[in-house]
Amino acid sequence: MRYTDRRIVDSYSGLFEGLSSLNKIELIERLSKSLKTDVKDKDKAFYKAYGAFSSDKSAEAIIKDIRTSRKFRKKQIDF
């Protein structure tokens, strides 16, 4: 375990000391459920978002719109 990971765990551990036993059990259950979440489910959710941007414009038209909407300032920066 890296130093930063250990510090994070120690910090959370300090927060848990003030919780009641029932709250700690609930926390353990939720952590256990989060560990059971399969990586494939996360991948599916990511790939499910593919194509979520819908437009009737072609890709070239969208690119042209983005490029023409850019605004640049011509300001000299002195160092």
C-alpha atoms as a PDB file:
ATOM      1  CA  MET A   1       0.000   0.000   0.000  1.00  0.00           C
ATOM      2  CA  ARG A   2       1.378   3.386  -0.983  1.00  0.00           C
ATOM      3  CA  TYR A   3       1.820   6.176   1.510  1.00  0.00           C
ATOM      4  CA  THR A   4      -1.041   8.254   0.114  1.00  0.00           C
ATOM      5  CA  ASP A   5      -3.384   5.264   0.150  1.00  0.00           C
ATOM      6  CA  ARG A   6      -2.477   4.551   3.747  1.00  0.00           C
ATOM      7  CA  ARG A   7      -3.143   8.190   4.696  1.00  0.00           C
ATOM      8  CA  ILE A   8      -6.569   8.082   3.030  1.00  0.00           C
ATOM      9  CA  VAL A   9      -7.478   4.856   4.835  1.00  0.00           C
ATOM     10  CA  ASP A  10      -6.257   6.274   8.148  1.00  0.00           C
ATOM     11  CA  SER A  11      -8.296   9.441   7.626  1.00  0.00           C
ATOM     12  CA  TYR A  12     -11.478   7.500   6.920  1.00  0.00           C
ATOM     13  CA  SER A  13     -10.756   5.174   9.813  1.00  0.00           C
ATOM     14  CA  GLY A  14     -10.673   8.160  12.135  1.00  0.00           C
ATOM     15  CA  LEU A  15     -14.073   9.247  10.883  1.00  0.00           C
ATOM     16  CA  PHE A  16     -15.541   5.803  11.524  1.00  0.00           C
ATOM     17  CA  GLU A  17     -14.614   5.834  15.201  1.00  0.00           C
ATOM     18  CA  GLY A  18     -17.533   8.157  15.952  1.00  0.00           C
ATOM     19  CA  LEU A  19     -20.122   5.933  14.256  1.00  0.00           C
ATOM     20  CA  SER A  20     -22.402   3.571  16.109  1.00  0.00           C
ATOM     21  CA  SER A  21     -22.093  -0.173  15.605  1.00  0.00           C
ATOM     22  CA  LEU A  22     -25.198  -0.267  13.393  1.00  0.00           C
ATOM     23  CA  ASN A  23     -23.847   2.519  11.194  1.00  0.00           C
ATOM     24  CA  LYS A  24     -20.539   0.708  10.867  1.00  0.00           C
ATOM     25  CA  ILE A  25     -22.328  -2.482   9.814  1.00  0.00           C
ATOM     26  CA  GLU A  26     -24.306  -0.514   7.214  1.00  0.00           C
ATOM     27  CA  LEU A  27     -21.074   0.992   5.937  1.00  0.00           C
ATOM     28  CA  ILE A  28     -19.469  -2.449   5.689  1.00  0.00           C
ATOM     29  CA  GLU A  29     -22.453  -3.725   3.717  1.00  0.00           C
ATOM     30  CA  ARG A  30     -22.277  -0.832   1.272  1.00  0.00           C
ATOM     31  CA  LEU A  31     -18.530  -1.238   0.825  1.00  0.00           C
ATOM     32  CA  SER A  32     -19.021  -4.955   0.220  1.00  0.00           C
ATOM     33  CA  LYS A  33     -21.654  -4.228  -2.433  1.00  0.00           C
ATOM     34  CA  SER A  34     -19.349  -1.757  -4.134  1.00  0.00           C
ATOM     35  CA  LEU A  35     -16.618  -4.415  -4.284  1.00  0.00           C
ATOM     36  CA  LYS A  36     -19.021  -6.869  -5.873  1.00  0.00           C
ATOM     37  CA  THR A  37     -19.760  -4.457  -8.709  1.00  0.00           C
ATOM     38  CA  ASP A  38     -18.155  -6.062 -11.683  1.00  0.00           C
ATOM     39  CA  VAL A  39     -15.791  -4.072 -13.861  1.00  0.00           C
ATOM     40  CA  LYS A  40     -17.745  -5.321 -16.855  1.00  0.00           C
ATOM     41  CA  ASP A  41     -20.819  -3.467 -15.575  1.00  0.00           C
ATOM     42  CA  LYS A  42     -18.822  -0.252 -15.518  1.00  0.00           C
ATOM     43  CA  ASP A  43     -17.534  -0.942 -19.024  1.00  0.00           C
ATOM     44  CA  LYS A  44     -21.053  -1.612 -20.243  1.00  0.00           C
ATOM     45  CA  ALA A  45     -22.250   1.686 -18.802  1.00  0.00           C
ATOM     46  CA  PHE A  46     -19.391   3.503 -20.535  1.00  0.00           C
ATOM     47  CA  TYR A  47     -20.011   1.921 -23.915  1.00  0.00           C
ATOM     48  CA  LYS A  48     -23.765   2.360 -23.542  1.00  0.00           C
ATOM     49  CA  ALA A  49     -23.152   6.117 -23.642  1.00  0.00           C
ATOM     50  CA  TYR A  50     -21.535   5.751 -27.071  1.00  0.00           C
ATOM     51  CA  GLY A  51     -23.523   7.694 -29.630  1.00  0.00           C
ATOM     52  CA  ALA A  52     -25.389   9.647 -26.961  1.00  0.00           C
ATOM     53  CA  PHE A  53     -24.606  12.897 -28.775  1.00  0.00           C
ATOM     54  CA  SER A  54     -27.173  13.065 -31.513  1.00  0.00           C
ATOM     55  CA  SER A  55     -27.280  15.643 -34.227  1.00  0.00           C
ATOM     56  CA  ASP A  56     -28.581  15.847 -37.757  1.00  0.00           C
ATOM     57  CA  LYS A  57     -25.413  17.659 -38.819  1.00  0.00           C
ATOM     58  CA  SER A  58     -22.524  15.819 -40.371  1.00  0.00           C
ATOM     59  CA  ALA A  59     -19.270  15.489 -38.481  1.00  0.00           C
ATOM     60  CA  GLU A  60     -17.629  17.974 -40.843  1.00  0.00           C
ATOM     61  CA  ALA A  61     -20.362  20.565 -40.184  1.00  0.00           C
ATOM     62  CA  ILE A  62     -20.002  20.159 -36.409  1.00  0.00           C
ATOM     63  CA  ILE A  63     -16.216  20.544 -36.670  1.00  0.00           C
ATOM     64  CA  LYS A  64     -16.648  23.669 -38.790  1.00  0.00           C
ATOM     65  CA  ASP A  65     -19.092  25.144 -36.243  1.00  0.00           C
ATOM     66  CA  ILE A  66     -16.683  24.490 -33.395  1.00  0.00           C
ATOM     67  CA  ARG A  67     -13.735  26.009 -35.228  1.00  0.00           C
ATOM     68  CA  THR A  68     -15.641  29.133 -36.307  1.00  0.00           C
ATOM     69  CA  SER A  69     -16.955  29.687 -32.776  1.00  0.00           C
ATOM     70  CA  ARG A  70     -13.442  29.891 -31.324  1.00  0.00           C
ATOM     71  CA  LYS A  71     -12.371  33.342 -30.291  1.00  0.00           C
ATOM     72  CA  PHE A  72      -8.745  34.294 -29.853  1.00  0.00           C
ATOM     73  CA  ARG A  73      -7.437  37.458 -28.292  1.00  0.00           C
ATOM     74  CA  LYS A  74      -4.492  39.156 -29.852  1.00  0.00           C
ATOM     75  CA  LYS A  75      -2.865  40.466 -26.762  1.00  0.00           C
ATOM     76  CA  GLN A  76       0.836  40.791 -26.219  1.00  0.00           C
ATOM     77  CA  ILE A  77       1.989  39.262 -22.965  1.00  0.00           C
ATOM     78  CA  ASP A  78       5.170  40.712 -21.575  1.00  0.00           C
ATOM     79  CA  PHE A  79       7.330  38.662 -19.260  1.00  0.00           C
END
